[in-house]
N, C-alpha and C. Protein backbone atom coordinates (compact mmCIF):
# COMPACT_ATOMS: atom_id res chain seq x y z
N MET A 1 -168.64 20.27 -45.20
CA MET A 1 -168.98 19.73 -46.65
C MET A 1 -168.90 21.15 -47.53
N VAL A 2 -168.19 21.14 -48.57
CA VAL A 2 -168.11 22.29 -49.42
C VAL A 2 -168.84 21.84 -50.85
N THR A 3 -169.71 22.79 -51.32
CA THR A 3 -170.30 22.51 -52.64
C THR A 3 -170.08 23.81 -53.46
N ALA A 4 -169.49 23.56 -54.60
CA ALA A 4 -169.18 24.70 -55.65
C ALA A 4 -169.49 24.25 -56.95
N GLN A 5 -169.87 25.15 -57.71
CA GLN A 5 -170.18 25.11 -59.23
C GLN A 5 -169.26 25.89 -59.92
N LEU A 6 -168.59 25.30 -60.94
CA LEU A 6 -167.77 25.84 -61.76
C LEU A 6 -168.21 25.76 -63.11
N MET A 7 -167.81 26.84 -63.97
CA MET A 7 -168.19 26.83 -65.42
C MET A 7 -166.84 26.66 -66.13
N VAL A 8 -166.74 25.57 -66.68
CA VAL A 8 -165.61 25.18 -67.40
C VAL A 8 -165.97 25.20 -68.92
N LEU A 9 -166.43 23.91 -69.46
CA LEU A 9 -167.16 24.04 -70.78
C LEU A 9 -168.56 23.95 -70.48
N THR A 10 -168.88 23.27 -69.39
CA THR A 10 -170.25 23.09 -68.84
C THR A 10 -170.08 23.22 -67.46
N TRP A 11 -171.24 23.35 -66.67
CA TRP A 11 -171.30 23.65 -65.31
C TRP A 11 -170.91 22.19 -64.60
N VAL A 12 -170.04 22.39 -63.66
CA VAL A 12 -169.40 21.15 -62.93
C VAL A 12 -169.76 21.30 -61.55
N ALA A 13 -170.34 20.42 -60.78
CA ALA A 13 -170.72 20.55 -59.54
C ALA A 13 -169.51 19.66 -58.82
N ILE A 14 -169.00 20.29 -57.70
CA ILE A 14 -167.81 19.48 -56.86
C ILE A 14 -168.37 19.56 -55.44
N LYS A 15 -168.50 18.58 -54.95
CA LYS A 15 -168.88 18.17 -53.48
C LYS A 15 -167.69 17.38 -52.83
N GLY A 16 -167.50 17.84 -51.64
CA GLY A 16 -166.39 17.33 -50.76
C GLY A 16 -166.02 17.91 -49.58
N GLN A 17 -165.08 17.58 -48.94
CA GLN A 17 -164.49 18.09 -47.65
C GLN A 17 -163.74 19.31 -48.19
N PRO A 18 -163.75 20.38 -47.20
CA PRO A 18 -162.87 21.75 -47.53
C PRO A 18 -161.45 21.46 -48.02
N LEU A 19 -160.74 20.57 -47.22
CA LEU A 19 -159.38 20.40 -47.65
C LEU A 19 -159.11 19.87 -48.88
N ASP A 20 -160.07 19.02 -49.27
CA ASP A 20 -160.05 18.27 -50.72
C ASP A 20 -160.31 19.34 -51.88
N PHE A 21 -161.26 20.31 -51.59
CA PHE A 21 -161.70 21.40 -52.45
C PHE A 21 -160.39 22.22 -52.62
N ILE A 22 -159.83 22.61 -51.51
CA ILE A 22 -158.63 23.55 -51.60
C ILE A 22 -157.34 22.82 -52.20
N ALA A 23 -157.22 21.53 -52.17
CA ALA A 23 -156.19 20.80 -52.72
C ALA A 23 -156.41 20.78 -54.30
N ARG A 24 -157.66 20.82 -54.73
CA ARG A 24 -158.00 20.73 -56.15
C ARG A 24 -157.69 22.30 -56.78
N LEU A 25 -158.15 23.36 -56.01
CA LEU A 25 -157.77 24.73 -56.38
C LEU A 25 -156.34 24.82 -56.48
N VAL A 26 -155.64 24.30 -55.55
CA VAL A 26 -154.31 24.70 -55.45
C VAL A 26 -153.49 23.96 -56.77
N ALA A 27 -153.89 22.72 -57.09
CA ALA A 27 -153.48 22.11 -58.12
C ALA A 27 -153.60 22.89 -59.56
N LEU A 28 -154.56 23.79 -59.51
CA LEU A 28 -154.89 24.58 -60.86
C LEU A 28 -154.13 25.80 -60.77
N THR A 29 -153.67 26.27 -59.77
CA THR A 29 -153.01 27.61 -59.62
C THR A 29 -151.50 27.36 -60.21
N LEU A 30 -150.90 28.41 -60.92
CA LEU A 30 -149.59 28.32 -61.57
C LEU A 30 -148.56 28.77 -60.56
N ILE A 31 -147.36 28.27 -60.61
CA ILE A 31 -146.31 28.62 -59.85
C ILE A 31 -145.70 30.09 -60.38
N PRO A 32 -145.25 30.77 -59.44
CA PRO A 32 -144.74 32.13 -59.80
C PRO A 32 -143.49 32.01 -60.68
N GLY A 33 -143.41 32.92 -61.59
CA GLY A 33 -142.34 32.95 -62.45
C GLY A 33 -142.51 32.20 -63.84
N VAL A 34 -143.50 31.57 -63.91
CA VAL A 34 -143.83 30.73 -65.18
C VAL A 34 -144.30 31.66 -66.20
N ASN A 35 -143.57 31.68 -67.46
CA ASN A 35 -143.73 32.59 -68.50
C ASN A 35 -145.13 32.01 -69.15
N LEU A 36 -146.11 32.82 -69.14
CA LEU A 36 -147.52 32.33 -69.74
C LEU A 36 -147.59 32.45 -71.23
N THR A 37 -146.65 33.26 -71.71
CA THR A 37 -146.82 33.57 -73.09
C THR A 37 -145.83 32.49 -74.01
N ARG A 38 -146.76 31.96 -74.93
CA ARG A 38 -146.05 31.06 -75.75
C ARG A 38 -146.10 31.55 -77.13
N PHE A 39 -144.83 31.48 -77.78
CA PHE A 39 -144.79 32.03 -79.19
C PHE A 39 -144.58 30.98 -80.05
N HIS A 40 -145.00 31.18 -81.29
CA HIS A 40 -144.89 30.17 -82.35
C HIS A 40 -144.67 30.85 -83.66
N GLY A 41 -144.41 30.26 -84.67
CA GLY A 41 -144.15 30.89 -86.00
C GLY A 41 -142.60 31.41 -85.81
N VAL A 42 -142.48 32.67 -86.42
CA VAL A 42 -141.19 33.24 -86.55
C VAL A 42 -140.71 33.76 -85.10
N PHE A 43 -141.62 33.94 -84.13
CA PHE A 43 -141.36 34.54 -83.04
C PHE A 43 -140.86 33.38 -81.97
N ALA A 44 -140.98 32.09 -82.47
CA ALA A 44 -140.60 30.93 -81.47
C ALA A 44 -139.04 30.97 -81.44
N SER A 45 -138.48 30.56 -80.08
CA SER A 45 -137.03 30.84 -79.94
C SER A 45 -136.14 29.75 -80.93
N ASN A 46 -136.89 28.73 -81.34
CA ASN A 46 -136.10 27.80 -82.21
C ASN A 46 -136.36 27.96 -83.66
N SER A 47 -137.04 29.04 -84.04
CA SER A 47 -137.35 29.17 -85.30
C SER A 47 -136.30 29.43 -86.25
N ARG A 48 -136.13 29.01 -87.47
CA ARG A 48 -135.10 29.29 -88.43
C ARG A 48 -135.07 30.60 -88.99
N HIS A 49 -136.30 31.26 -88.99
CA HIS A 49 -136.56 32.56 -89.77
C HIS A 49 -136.45 33.72 -88.53
N ARG A 50 -136.14 33.30 -87.25
CA ARG A 50 -136.06 34.34 -86.21
C ARG A 50 -135.03 35.46 -86.57
N VAL A 51 -133.86 35.06 -87.13
CA VAL A 51 -132.91 36.13 -87.47
C VAL A 51 -133.38 37.17 -88.38
N LEU A 52 -134.47 36.92 -89.33
CA LEU A 52 -135.02 37.92 -90.26
C LEU A 52 -136.00 38.90 -89.28
N VAL A 53 -136.33 38.62 -88.08
CA VAL A 53 -137.35 39.55 -87.37
C VAL A 53 -136.39 40.83 -86.83
N PRO A 54 -136.93 42.07 -87.18
CA PRO A 54 -136.06 43.06 -86.68
C PRO A 54 -136.06 43.17 -85.15
N LEU A 55 -134.95 43.53 -84.53
CA LEU A 55 -134.75 43.68 -83.07
C LEU A 55 -135.43 44.88 -82.51
N THR A 56 -135.32 45.84 -83.27
CA THR A 56 -135.91 47.28 -82.68
C THR A 56 -137.12 47.58 -83.35
N GLY A 57 -138.00 48.20 -82.55
CA GLY A 57 -139.44 48.53 -82.94
C GLY A 57 -139.95 49.74 -82.10
N THR A 58 -141.03 50.27 -82.40
CA THR A 58 -141.58 51.41 -81.85
C THR A 58 -142.73 51.09 -81.13
N GLY A 59 -142.72 50.21 -80.26
CA GLY A 59 -143.98 49.99 -79.53
C GLY A 59 -143.87 48.88 -78.72
């Protein structure tokens, strides 16, 4: 039996078998290669104004 307390927005207690607990944790992990950065506004890939953003920069 595994008991864990997680802080999400409030404390959440999870009780159950070890394999069930691991299955829940695995469901939360991201697959490798997923881009975690999301752009919006003029930096979004489908923005009409993206052509106005300069391509070169110092940093």
